[in-house]
Amino acid sequence: MKRWRSGCEGMISVNSIFASFAGALVAVVVALTERTLLIQICVFLLLVAFLLFAHAAEIITDAVERDDVLLYQQSHLRYNLGVVLTLISIAL
């Protein structure tokens, strides 16, 4: 087994955990705050982060099927962008 493939299952789990975290934050922010422009930006960033985490997990499965390490690296770029958007949303 190639070295990069050994971490795929763990990364799929991490992506799903972060996706559920972003989704839960959307629910909390929408339920407990007023509808201001700043809150709408936060919700938008969290929704984009949720989609990035879900897409990153899908790319990981495609990378394993195709045995493509570059595709696996692309999934990490999406994951990292999702983390940054989530942190920016929390900071706002």
C-alpha atoms as a PDB file:
ATOM      1  CA  MET A   1       0.000   0.000   0.000  1.00  0.00           C
ATOM      2  CA  LYS A   2       1.258   3.444  -0.878  1.00  0.00           C
ATOM      3  CA  ARG A   3       2.040   5.699   2.020  1.00  0.00           C
ATOM      4  CA  TRP A   4      -0.485   8.413   1.139  1.00  0.00           C
ATOM      5  CA  ARG A   5      -3.314   5.879   0.942  1.00  0.00           C
ATOM      6  CA  SER A   6      -2.896   4.823   4.561  1.00  0.00           C
ATOM      7  CA  GLY A   7      -4.257   8.163   5.802  1.00  0.00           C
ATOM      8  CA  CYS A   8      -7.278   8.350   3.528  1.00  0.00           C
ATOM      9  CA  GLU A   9      -9.767   6.798   5.933  1.00  0.00           C
ATOM     10  CA  GLY A  10      -8.709   9.175   8.669  1.00  0.00           C
ATOM     11  CA  MET A  11      -8.996  12.211   6.400  1.00  0.00           C
ATOM     12  CA  ILE A  12     -12.479  11.192   5.297  1.00  0.00           C
ATOM     13  CA  SER A  13     -13.452  11.020   8.979  1.00  0.00           C
ATOM     14  CA  VAL A  14     -11.869  14.403   9.712  1.00  0.00           C
ATOM     15  CA  ASN A  15     -13.683  15.971   6.743  1.00  0.00           C
ATOM     16  CA  SER A  16     -17.011  14.576   7.907  1.00  0.00           C
ATOM     17  CA  ILE A  17     -16.410  15.816  11.469  1.00  0.00           C
ATOM     18  CA  PHE A  18     -15.592  19.312  10.233  1.00  0.00           C
ATOM     19  CA  ALA A  19     -18.583  19.275   7.867  1.00  0.00           C
ATOM     20  CA  SER A  20     -20.901  18.400  10.747  1.00  0.00           C
ATOM     21  CA  PHE A  21     -19.248  21.092  12.895  1.00  0.00           C
ATOM     22  CA  ALA A  22     -19.819  23.718  10.175  1.00  0.00           C
ATOM     23  CA  GLY A  23     -23.425  22.570   9.741  1.00  0.00           C
ATOM     24  CA  ALA A  24     -24.061  22.736  13.481  1.00  0.00           C
ATOM     25  CA  LEU A  25     -22.559  26.225  13.624  1.00  0.00           C
ATOM     26  CA  VAL A  26     -24.915  27.337  10.846  1.00  0.00           C
ATOM     27  CA  ALA A  27     -27.884  26.086  12.853  1.00  0.00           C
ATOM     28  CA  VAL A  28     -26.693  27.792  16.043  1.00  0.00           C
ATOM     29  CA  VAL A  29     -25.875  31.091  14.349  1.00  0.00           C
ATOM     30  CA  VAL A  30     -29.205  31.218  12.524  1.00  0.00           C
ATOM     31  CA  ALA A  31     -31.209  30.274  15.603  1.00  0.00           C
ATOM     32  CA  LEU A  32     -29.531  32.471  18.201  1.00  0.00           C
ATOM     33  CA  THR A  33     -28.593  35.686  16.436  1.00  0.00           C
ATOM     34  CA  GLU A  34     -30.188  38.606  14.657  1.00  0.00           C
ATOM     35  CA  ARG A  35     -30.271  38.897  10.896  1.00  0.00           C
ATOM     36  CA  THR A  36     -27.505  41.409  10.219  1.00  0.00           C
ATOM     37  CA  LEU A  37     -25.160  41.590   7.268  1.00  0.00           C
ATOM     38  CA  LEU A  38     -22.281  40.282   9.373  1.00  0.00           C
ATOM     39  CA  ILE A  39     -24.293  37.242  10.468  1.00  0.00           C
ATOM     40  CA  GLN A  40     -25.315  36.561   6.883  1.00  0.00           C
ATOM     41  CA  ILE A  41     -21.641  36.638   5.864  1.00  0.00           C
ATOM     42  CA  CYS A  42     -20.825  34.184   8.670  1.00  0.00           C
ATOM     43  CA  VAL A  43     -23.583  31.831   7.563  1.00  0.00           C
ATOM     44  CA  PHE A  44     -22.441  32.063   3.956  1.00  0.00           C
ATOM     45  CA  LEU A  45     -18.826  31.281   4.912  1.00  0.00           C
ATOM     46  CA  LEU A  46     -19.954  28.314   6.995  1.00  0.00           C
ATOM     47  CA  LEU A  47     -22.084  26.946   4.168  1.00  0.00           C
ATOM     48  CA  VAL A  48     -19.193  27.250   1.727  1.00  0.00           C
ATOM     49  CA  ALA A  49     -16.929  25.529   4.257  1.00  0.00           C
ATOM     50  CA  PHE A  50     -19.483  22.730   4.643  1.00  0.00           C
ATOM     51  CA  LEU A  51     -19.525  22.194   0.890  1.00  0.00           C
ATOM     52  CA  LEU A  52     -15.729  22.267   0.718  1.00  0.00           C
ATOM     53  CA  PHE A  53     -15.446  19.585   3.414  1.00  0.00           C
ATOM     54  CA  ALA A  54     -17.993  17.386   1.667  1.00  0.00           C
ATOM     55  CA  HIS A  55     -16.281  17.859  -1.679  1.00  0.00           C
ATOM     56  CA  ALA A  56     -12.854  17.137  -0.169  1.00  0.00           C
ATOM     57  CA  ALA A  57     -14.129  13.819   1.190  1.00  0.00           C
ATOM     58  CA  GLU A  58     -15.510  12.934  -2.235  1.00  0.00           C
ATOM     59  CA  ILE A  59     -12.200  13.789  -3.900  1.00  0.00           C
ATOM     60  CA  ILE A  60     -10.366  11.523  -1.459  1.00  0.00           C
ATOM     61  CA  THR A  61     -12.508   8.569  -2.494  1.00  0.00           C
ATOM     62  CA  ASP A  62     -11.899   9.414  -6.149  1.00  0.00           C
ATOM     63  CA  ALA A  63      -8.148   9.618  -5.506  1.00  0.00           C
ATOM     64  CA  VAL A  64      -8.138   6.172  -3.938  1.00  0.00           C
ATOM     65  CA  GLU A  65     -10.131   4.700  -6.821  1.00  0.00           C
ATOM     66  CA  ARG A  66      -7.858   6.268  -9.439  1.00  0.00           C
ATOM     67  CA  ASP A  67      -4.663   5.845  -7.389  1.00  0.00           C
ATOM     68  CA  ASP A  68      -3.909   9.536  -7.971  1.00  0.00           C
ATOM     69  CA  VAL A  69      -1.827  11.338  -5.362  1.00  0.00           C
ATOM     70  CA  LEU A  70      -2.334  14.750  -7.025  1.00  0.00           C
ATOM     71  CA  LEU A  71      -6.079  14.401  -6.609  1.00  0.00           C
ATOM     72  CA  TYR A  72      -5.476  13.544  -2.963  1.00  0.00           C
ATOM     73  CA  GLN A  73      -3.451  16.746  -2.576  1.00  0.00           C
ATOM     74  CA  GLN A  74      -6.275  18.742  -4.150  1.00  0.00           C
ATOM     75  CA  SER A  75      -8.601  17.401  -1.470  1.00  0.00           C
ATOM     76  CA  HIS A  76      -6.247  18.797   1.172  1.00  0.00           C
ATOM     77  CA  LEU A  77      -6.392  22.228  -0.456  1.00  0.00           C
ATOM     78  CA  ARG A  78     -10.188  22.199  -0.228  1.00  0.00           C
ATOM     79  CA  TYR A  79     -10.016  20.943   3.354  1.00  0.00           C
ATOM     80  CA  ASN A  80      -7.583  23.708   4.346  1.00  0.00           C
ATOM     81  CA  LEU A  81      -9.722  26.366   2.683  1.00  0.00           C
ATOM     82  CA  GLY A  82     -12.762  25.031   4.548  1.00  0.00           C
ATOM     83  CA  VAL A  83     -10.892  25.253   7.849  1.00  0.00           C
ATOM     84  CA  VAL A  84      -9.845  28.846   7.119  1.00  0.00           C
ATOM     85  CA  LEU A  85     -13.403  29.853   6.206  1.00  0.00           C
ATOM     86  CA  THR A  86     -14.742  28.219   9.357  1.00  0.00           C
ATOM     87  CA  LEU A  87     -12.215  30.049  11.522  1.00  0.00           C
ATOM     88  CA  ILE A  88     -12.940  33.379   9.807  1.00  0.00           C
ATOM     89  CA  SER A  89     -16.641  32.848  10.389  1.00  0.00           C
ATOM     90  CA  ILE A  90     -16.057  32.125  14.080  1.00  0.00           C
ATOM     91  CA  ALA A  91     -13.826  35.191  14.371  1.00  0.00           C
ATOM     92  CA  LEU A  92     -16.514  37.457  12.921  1.00  0.00           C
END
